[in-house]
Amino acid sequence: MTKKRISFFEETFTGLLIALACQLKDYQLCWHLNKAFDFRLLKKDDLEIVHKRKSKTSFFSYYRYENEIDKWIIHVISNKHAGDFFTSEIKHADYLFFITGEVDSEQAKDFILKLKTIPSIQLISEIDLNKLKSKANFIFD
């Protein structure tokens, strides 16, 4: 299975980043998200992050769905793997629900309200990606 490499980042970000805490496996969470939002999240190659200081590479599960109508790309990324974090600034999150594209404040509220209907999700936290030091991790090849 080929792994994705993280590449360059842009100055600003348009979209929505929500940190999720839950005890579900990645495929179980995506099943609930598919059902709640009428998505078709599909498993993609794991995301690869190279930690130069630790001389170590970490792999994080990755699911993706493209919404052609709203021009959104929905990403679900595991945040934890073998003691490493995809985004160490958000250590409380098990998964990152990431939407690229134009998402207005009403749509963001709707996403959060629908996420609250999934009983297995214990914590939902909207994150400003532009303030993260590790925002480069969110730009994919």
N, C-alpha and C. Protein backbone atom coordinates (compact mmCIF):
# COMPACT_ATOMS: atom_id res chain seq x y z
N MET A 1 0.84 -1.17 0.00
CA MET A 1 0.00 0.00 0.00
C MET A 1 0.90 1.24 0.00
N THR A 2 0.68 2.16 -0.95
CA THR A 2 1.48 3.38 -1.02
C THR A 2 1.02 4.37 0.04
N LYS A 3 1.95 5.08 0.58
CA LYS A 3 1.66 6.06 1.61
C LYS A 3 1.70 7.46 1.01
N LYS A 4 0.87 8.35 1.53
CA LYS A 4 0.88 9.74 1.08
C LYS A 4 1.92 10.51 1.86
N ARG A 5 2.52 11.45 1.21
CA ARG A 5 3.46 12.35 1.88
C ARG A 5 2.80 13.72 2.01
N ILE A 6 3.09 14.36 3.09
CA ILE A 6 2.60 15.71 3.30
C ILE A 6 3.51 16.66 2.53
N SER A 7 2.93 17.69 1.93
CA SER A 7 3.75 18.59 1.15
C SER A 7 3.62 20.03 1.66
N PHE A 8 3.63 21.00 0.79
CA PHE A 8 3.67 22.42 1.16
C PHE A 8 2.35 22.91 1.72
N PHE A 9 2.39 24.07 2.40
CA PHE A 9 1.16 24.65 2.92
C PHE A 9 0.92 26.04 2.35
N GLU A 10 -0.35 26.45 2.40
CA GLU A 10 -0.73 27.76 1.89
C GLU A 10 -0.77 28.75 3.04
N GLU A 11 -0.84 30.03 2.72
CA GLU A 11 -0.85 31.07 3.74
C GLU A 11 -2.15 31.05 4.55
N THR A 12 -3.29 30.94 3.87
CA THR A 12 -4.58 30.94 4.58
C THR A 12 -5.34 29.68 4.21
N PHE A 13 -6.33 29.39 5.04
CA PHE A 13 -7.10 28.17 4.89
C PHE A 13 -8.57 28.53 4.83
N THR A 14 -9.30 27.95 3.90
CA THR A 14 -10.75 28.09 3.88
C THR A 14 -11.33 26.71 4.12
N GLY A 15 -12.19 26.63 5.08
CA GLY A 15 -12.81 25.35 5.40
C GLY A 15 -13.13 25.26 6.88
N LEU A 16 -13.18 24.04 7.37
CA LEU A 16 -13.59 23.79 8.74
C LEU A 16 -12.76 22.63 9.30
N LEU A 17 -12.26 22.81 10.51
CA LEU A 17 -11.52 21.77 11.19
C LEU A 17 -12.18 21.53 12.53
N ILE A 18 -12.60 20.30 12.77
CA ILE A 18 -13.24 19.93 14.02
C ILE A 18 -12.49 18.75 14.61
N ALA A 19 -12.10 18.91 15.87
CA ALA A 19 -11.43 17.83 16.61
C ALA A 19 -12.51 16.98 17.27
N LEU A 20 -12.37 15.65 17.16
CA LEU A 20 -13.34 14.73 17.74
C LEU A 20 -12.64 13.79 18.71
N ALA A 21 -13.26 13.59 19.85
CA ALA A 21 -12.77 12.60 20.80
C ALA A 21 -13.84 11.51 20.90
N CYS A 22 -13.43 10.27 20.63
CA CYS A 22 -14.35 9.13 20.73
C CYS A 22 -13.53 7.85 20.81
N GLN A 23 -14.16 6.79 21.27
CA GLN A 23 -13.47 5.52 21.44
C GLN A 23 -13.68 4.57 20.25
N LEU A 24 -14.30 5.06 19.19
CA LEU A 24 -14.58 4.22 18.02
C LEU A 24 -13.32 3.97 17.19
N LYS A 25 -13.31 2.85 16.50
CA LYS A 25 -12.28 2.61 15.48
C LYS A 25 -12.56 3.55 14.31
N ASP A 26 -11.55 3.80 13.48
CA ASP A 26 -11.72 4.74 12.38
C ASP A 26 -12.86 4.35 11.44
N TYR A 27 -12.97 3.10 11.09
CA TYR A 27 -14.02 2.67 10.17
C TYR A 27 -15.41 2.78 10.80
N GLN A 28 -15.50 2.61 12.12
CA GLN A 28 -16.78 2.76 12.80
C GLN A 28 -17.22 4.23 12.81
N LEU A 29 -16.28 5.12 13.11
CA LEU A 29 -16.59 6.55 13.09
C LEU A 29 -17.05 6.97 11.70
N CYS A 30 -16.35 6.53 10.67
CA CYS A 30 -16.71 6.91 9.30
C CYS A 30 -18.07 6.36 8.91
N TRP A 31 -18.42 5.19 9.40
CA TRP A 31 -19.75 4.64 9.15
C TRP A 31 -20.81 5.57 9.74
N HIS A 32 -20.60 6.03 10.97
CA HIS A 32 -21.55 6.96 11.61
C HIS A 32 -21.61 8.29 10.85
N LEU A 33 -20.46 8.79 10.41
CA LEU A 33 -20.43 10.04 9.66
C LEU A 33 -21.14 9.90 8.32
N ASN A 34 -20.91 8.77 7.64
CA ASN A 34 -21.59 8.52 6.37
C ASN A 34 -23.10 8.51 6.56
N LYS A 35 -23.54 7.89 7.63
CA LYS A 35 -24.97 7.79 7.91
C LYS A 35 -25.56 9.15 8.28
N ALA A 36 -24.89 9.91 9.15
CA ALA A 36 -25.41 11.20 9.63
C ALA A 36 -25.42 12.27 8.53
N PHE A 37 -24.38 12.28 7.68
CA PHE A 37 -24.23 13.34 6.70
C PHE A 37 -24.53 12.91 5.27
N ASP A 38 -24.83 11.65 5.06
CA ASP A 38 -25.04 11.10 3.73
C ASP A 38 -23.77 11.26 2.88
N PHE A 39 -22.62 11.01 3.52
CA PHE A 39 -21.34 11.00 2.84
C PHE A 39 -21.06 9.61 2.30
N ARG A 40 -19.97 9.48 1.54
CA ARG A 40 -19.44 8.21 1.11
C ARG A 40 -17.94 8.23 1.38
N LEU A 41 -17.58 8.36 2.65
CA LEU A 41 -16.16 8.39 3.03
C LEU A 41 -15.53 7.05 2.67
N LEU A 42 -14.41 7.12 1.98
CA LEU A 42 -13.69 5.92 1.57
C LEU A 42 -12.29 5.94 2.15
N LYS A 43 -11.81 4.78 2.54
CA LYS A 43 -10.46 4.64 3.08
C LYS A 43 -9.46 4.90 1.97
N LYS A 44 -8.50 5.75 2.26
CA LYS A 44 -7.42 6.06 1.33
C LYS A 44 -6.11 5.60 1.94
N ASP A 45 -5.03 5.77 1.21
CA ASP A 45 -3.71 5.42 1.75
C ASP A 45 -3.44 6.22 3.01
N ASP A 46 -2.76 5.60 3.95
CA ASP A 46 -2.42 6.29 5.20
C ASP A 46 -1.58 7.52 4.92
N LEU A 47 -1.73 8.53 5.79
CA LEU A 47 -0.89 9.72 5.70
C LEU A 47 0.39 9.45 6.45
N GLU A 48 1.48 9.91 5.90
CA GLU A 48 2.80 9.65 6.46
C GLU A 48 3.40 10.95 6.94
N ILE A 49 3.87 10.96 8.17
CA ILE A 49 4.56 12.13 8.72
C ILE A 49 5.94 11.67 9.16
N VAL A 50 6.96 12.36 8.68
CA VAL A 50 8.34 12.03 9.03
C VAL A 50 8.77 12.97 10.16
N HIS A 51 9.13 12.39 11.29
CA HIS A 51 9.64 13.15 12.43
C HIS A 51 11.16 13.15 12.34
N LYS A 52 11.72 14.24 11.88
CA LYS A 52 13.17 14.32 11.66
C LYS A 52 13.94 14.25 12.98
N ARG A 53 13.41 14.89 14.01
CA ARG A 53 14.10 14.88 15.30
C ARG A 53 14.16 13.49 15.91
N LYS A 54 13.07 12.73 15.75
CA LYS A 54 13.00 11.39 16.32
C LYS A 54 13.52 10.33 15.37
N SER A 55 13.85 10.70 14.16
CA SER A 55 14.25 9.75 13.11
C SER A 55 13.21 8.64 13.00
N LYS A 56 11.98 9.05 12.85
CA LYS A 56 10.86 8.11 12.88
C LYS A 56 9.77 8.59 11.92
N THR A 57 9.04 7.63 11.38
CA THR A 57 7.91 7.93 10.50
C THR A 57 6.64 7.39 11.13
N SER A 58 5.58 8.20 11.11
CA SER A 58 4.29 7.77 11.65
C SER A 58 3.25 7.75 10.54
N PHE A 59 2.31 6.83 10.65
CA PHE A 59 1.25 6.68 9.66
C PHE A 59 -0.10 6.86 10.34
N PHE A 60 -0.98 7.63 9.70
CA PHE A 60 -2.29 7.93 10.27
C PHE A 60 -3.37 7.55 9.26
N SER A 61 -4.42 6.88 9.76
CA SER A 61 -5.49 6.46 8.85
C SER A 61 -6.19 7.69 8.28
N TYR A 62 -6.67 7.53 7.06
CA TYR A 62 -7.20 8.66 6.30
C TYR A 62 -8.39 8.21 5.46
N TYR A 63 -9.50 8.96 5.59
CA TYR A 63 -10.71 8.73 4.80
C TYR A 63 -11.06 10.03 4.09
N ARG A 64 -11.67 9.91 2.90
CA ARG A 64 -11.94 11.09 2.09
C ARG A 64 -13.24 10.93 1.32
N TYR A 65 -13.92 12.06 1.15
CA TYR A 65 -15.13 12.12 0.33
C TYR A 65 -15.20 13.48 -0.35
N GLU A 66 -15.48 13.50 -1.64
CA GLU A 66 -15.64 14.75 -2.37
C GLU A 66 -17.12 15.01 -2.62
N ASN A 67 -17.59 16.17 -2.12
CA ASN A 67 -18.96 16.60 -2.34
C ASN A 67 -18.96 17.55 -3.54
N GLU A 68 -19.40 17.05 -4.67
CA GLU A 68 -19.36 17.81 -5.91
C GLU A 68 -20.33 18.99 -5.90
N ILE A 69 -21.46 18.85 -5.20
CA ILE A 69 -22.47 19.91 -5.19
C ILE A 69 -21.95 21.15 -4.47
N ASP A 70 -21.44 20.97 -3.25
CA ASP A 70 -20.96 22.10 -2.45
C ASP A 70 -19.48 22.41 -2.68
N LYS A 71 -18.81 21.60 -3.51
CA LYS A 71 -17.38 21.77 -3.79
C LYS A 71 -16.53 21.63 -2.52
N TRP A 72 -16.90 20.68 -1.67
CA TRP A 72 -16.14 20.40 -0.46
C TRP A 72 -15.38 19.09 -0.62
N ILE A 73 -14.27 18.99 0.07
CA ILE A 73 -13.59 17.72 0.23
C ILE A 73 -13.56 17.45 1.73
N ILE A 74 -14.14 16.33 2.12
CA ILE A 74 -14.23 15.96 3.53
C ILE A 74 -13.13 14.95 3.82
N HIS A 75 -12.37 15.22 4.88
CA HIS A 75 -11.28 14.36 5.30
C HIS A 75 -11.54 13.93 6.74
N VAL A 76 -11.27 12.69 7.04
CA VAL A 76 -11.26 12.21 8.43
C VAL A 76 -9.89 11.58 8.64
N ILE A 77 -9.17 12.10 9.62
CA ILE A 77 -7.80 11.68 9.86
C ILE A 77 -7.66 11.25 11.31
N SER A 78 -7.06 10.10 11.53
CA SER A 78 -6.78 9.72 12.92
C SER A 78 -5.68 10.64 13.44
N ASN A 79 -5.80 11.07 14.68
CA ASN A 79 -4.82 11.99 15.24
C ASN A 79 -3.76 11.27 16.06
N LYS A 80 -4.02 10.02 16.42
CA LYS A 80 -3.10 9.29 17.29
C LYS A 80 -2.69 7.97 16.65
N HIS A 81 -1.40 7.67 16.78
CA HIS A 81 -0.91 6.37 16.32
C HIS A 81 0.39 6.05 17.05
N ALA A 82 0.40 5.00 17.82
CA ALA A 82 1.59 4.50 18.50
C ALA A 82 2.33 5.59 19.28
N GLY A 83 1.58 6.41 20.00
CA GLY A 83 2.19 7.44 20.83
C GLY A 83 2.52 8.74 20.12
N ASP A 84 2.29 8.80 18.81
CA ASP A 84 2.54 10.01 18.04
C ASP A 84 1.22 10.67 17.67
N PHE A 85 1.28 11.96 17.33
CA PHE A 85 0.09 12.72 16.97
C PHE A 85 0.25 13.30 15.58
N PHE A 86 -0.83 13.29 14.83
CA PHE A 86 -0.85 13.97 13.53
C PHE A 86 -0.68 15.46 13.75
N THR A 87 -1.37 15.97 14.76
CA THR A 87 -1.25 17.37 15.19
C THR A 87 -1.07 17.37 16.69
N SER A 88 0.14 17.55 17.14
CA SER A 88 0.42 17.48 18.58
C SER A 88 -0.21 18.63 19.35
N GLU A 89 -0.63 19.69 18.67
CA GLU A 89 -1.29 20.80 19.34
C GLU A 89 -2.72 20.46 19.76
N ILE A 90 -3.25 19.38 19.22
CA ILE A 90 -4.63 18.97 19.53
C ILE A 90 -4.58 17.56 20.11
N LYS A 91 -3.89 17.39 21.21
CA LYS A 91 -3.69 16.06 21.78
C LYS A 91 -4.97 15.43 22.32
N HIS A 92 -5.97 16.23 22.62
CA HIS A 92 -7.23 15.69 23.16
C HIS A 92 -8.07 14.99 22.09
N ALA A 93 -7.75 15.20 20.82
CA ALA A 93 -8.55 14.66 19.73
C ALA A 93 -8.06 13.28 19.29
N ASP A 94 -9.02 12.39 19.10
CA ASP A 94 -8.72 11.09 18.51
C ASP A 94 -8.76 11.16 16.99
N TYR A 95 -9.66 12.02 16.46
CA TYR A 95 -9.83 12.16 15.02
C TYR A 95 -9.99 13.63 14.67
N LEU A 96 -9.64 13.94 13.43
CA LEU A 96 -9.81 15.29 12.91
C LEU A 96 -10.77 15.22 11.73
N PHE A 97 -11.85 15.95 11.82
CA PHE A 97 -12.88 16.06 10.79
C PHE A 97 -12.59 17.38 10.08
N PHE A 98 -12.13 17.28 8.84
CA PHE A 98 -11.54 18.41 8.14
C PHE A 98 -12.24 18.59 6.81
N ILE A 99 -12.79 19.80 6.57
CA ILE A 99 -13.48 20.09 5.32
C ILE A 99 -12.74 21.21 4.62
N THR A 100 -12.32 20.97 3.38
CA THR A 100 -11.72 22.04 2.59
C THR A 100 -12.78 22.57 1.64
N GLY A 101 -12.78 23.87 1.47
CA GLY A 101 -13.78 24.55 0.65
C GLY A 101 -14.48 25.62 1.46
N GLU A 102 -15.37 26.34 0.83
CA GLU A 102 -16.09 27.43 1.50
C GLU A 102 -17.18 26.86 2.41
N VAL A 103 -17.02 27.09 3.71
CA VAL A 103 -18.01 26.67 4.71
C VAL A 103 -18.37 27.92 5.51
N ASP A 104 -19.64 28.38 5.39
CA ASP A 104 -20.03 29.56 6.15
C ASP A 104 -20.37 29.19 7.59
N SER A 105 -20.63 30.19 8.42
CA SER A 105 -20.85 29.94 9.85
C SER A 105 -22.10 29.10 10.11
N GLU A 106 -23.15 29.28 9.30
CA GLU A 106 -24.37 28.47 9.46
C GLU A 106 -24.10 27.00 9.12
N GLN A 107 -23.37 26.77 8.07
CA GLN A 107 -23.03 25.40 7.69
C GLN A 107 -22.15 24.76 8.76
N ALA A 108 -21.22 25.52 9.33
CA ALA A 108 -20.36 25.00 10.40
C ALA A 108 -21.21 24.60 11.60
N LYS A 109 -22.18 25.43 11.96
CA LYS A 109 -23.09 25.11 13.07
C LYS A 109 -23.87 23.83 12.78
N ASP A 110 -24.33 23.69 11.53
CA ASP A 110 -25.07 22.48 11.14
C ASP A 110 -24.20 21.23 11.27
N PHE A 111 -22.94 21.33 10.84
CA PHE A 111 -22.03 20.20 10.97
C PHE A 111 -21.87 19.80 12.44
N ILE A 112 -21.68 20.79 13.29
CA ILE A 112 -21.48 20.52 14.72
C ILE A 112 -22.74 19.92 15.34
N LEU A 113 -23.92 20.44 14.96
CA LEU A 113 -25.17 19.89 15.49
C LEU A 113 -25.37 18.43 15.07
N LYS A 114 -25.05 18.13 13.82
CA LYS A 114 -25.18 16.74 13.36
C LYS A 114 -24.17 15.83 14.05
N LEU A 115 -22.97 16.34 14.28
CA LEU A 115 -21.97 15.54 14.99
C LEU A 115 -22.43 15.22 16.40
N LYS A 116 -23.16 16.15 17.01
CA LYS A 116 -23.67 15.93 18.37
C LYS A 116 -24.73 14.83 18.42
N THR A 117 -25.31 14.48 17.28
CA THR A 117 -26.32 13.41 17.26
C THR A 117 -25.68 12.03 17.28
N ILE A 118 -24.37 11.95 17.08
CA ILE A 118 -23.68 10.66 17.12
C ILE A 118 -23.28 10.41 18.57
N PRO A 119 -23.95 9.46 19.22
CA PRO A 119 -23.74 9.27 20.67
C PRO A 119 -22.33 8.83 21.07
N SER A 120 -21.59 8.23 20.19
CA SER A 120 -20.24 7.74 20.52
C SER A 120 -19.20 8.85 20.57
N ILE A 121 -19.52 10.01 20.02
CA ILE A 121 -18.58 11.12 20.04
C ILE A 121 -18.71 11.83 21.38
N GLN A 122 -17.60 11.89 22.11
CA GLN A 122 -17.62 12.44 23.46
C GLN A 122 -17.27 13.93 23.50
N LEU A 123 -16.49 14.40 22.54
CA LEU A 123 -16.07 15.80 22.53
C LEU A 123 -15.97 16.29 21.10
N ILE A 124 -16.51 17.50 20.87
CA ILE A 124 -16.46 18.14 19.56
C ILE A 124 -15.88 19.53 19.79
N SER A 125 -14.81 19.85 19.07
CA SER A 125 -14.15 21.13 19.27
C SER A 125 -13.74 21.72 17.93
N GLU A 126 -14.29 22.89 17.60
CA GLU A 126 -13.90 23.56 16.36
C GLU A 126 -12.54 24.21 16.56
N ILE A 127 -11.64 24.02 15.60
CA ILE A 127 -10.26 24.50 15.68
C ILE A 127 -10.01 25.48 14.54
N ASP A 128 -9.31 26.58 14.85
CA ASP A 128 -8.89 27.53 13.82
C ASP A 128 -7.56 27.04 13.25
N LEU A 129 -7.61 26.49 12.06
CA LEU A 129 -6.42 25.91 11.44
C LEU A 129 -5.34 26.96 11.19
N ASN A 130 -5.75 28.17 10.91
CA ASN A 130 -4.76 29.23 10.61
C ASN A 130 -3.88 29.56 11.81
N LYS A 131 -4.31 29.19 13.02
CA LYS A 131 -3.53 29.48 14.22
C LYS A 131 -2.63 28.31 14.63
N LEU A 132 -2.76 27.17 13.97
CA LEU A 132 -1.94 26.00 14.31
C LEU A 132 -0.54 26.14 13.73
N LYS A 133 0.45 25.74 14.51
CA LYS A 133 1.82 25.72 14.02
C LYS A 133 2.01 24.59 13.00
N SER A 134 1.24 23.52 13.18
CA SER A 134 1.37 22.33 12.31
C SER A 134 0.37 22.33 11.17
N LYS A 135 -0.05 23.49 10.70
CA LYS A 135 -1.05 23.52 9.63
C LYS A 135 -0.53 22.92 8.32
N ALA A 136 0.78 22.83 8.18
CA ALA A 136 1.33 22.22 6.97
C ALA A 136 0.94 20.76 6.85
N ASN A 137 0.61 20.11 7.97
CA ASN A 137 0.19 18.71 7.94
C ASN A 137 -1.13 18.52 7.20
N PHE A 138 -1.89 19.59 7.03
CA PHE A 138 -3.23 19.49 6.44
C PHE A 138 -3.26 19.75 4.95
N ILE A 139 -2.12 19.89 4.33
CA ILE A 139 -2.07 20.05 2.88
C ILE A 139 -1.55 18.74 2.31
N PHE A 140 -2.36 18.13 1.45
CA PHE A 140 -2.07 16.80 0.93
C PHE A 140 -1.66 16.85 -0.51
N ASP A 141 -0.80 15.89 -0.91
CA ASP A 141 -0.41 15.73 -2.34
C ASP A 141 -1.62 15.36 -3.17
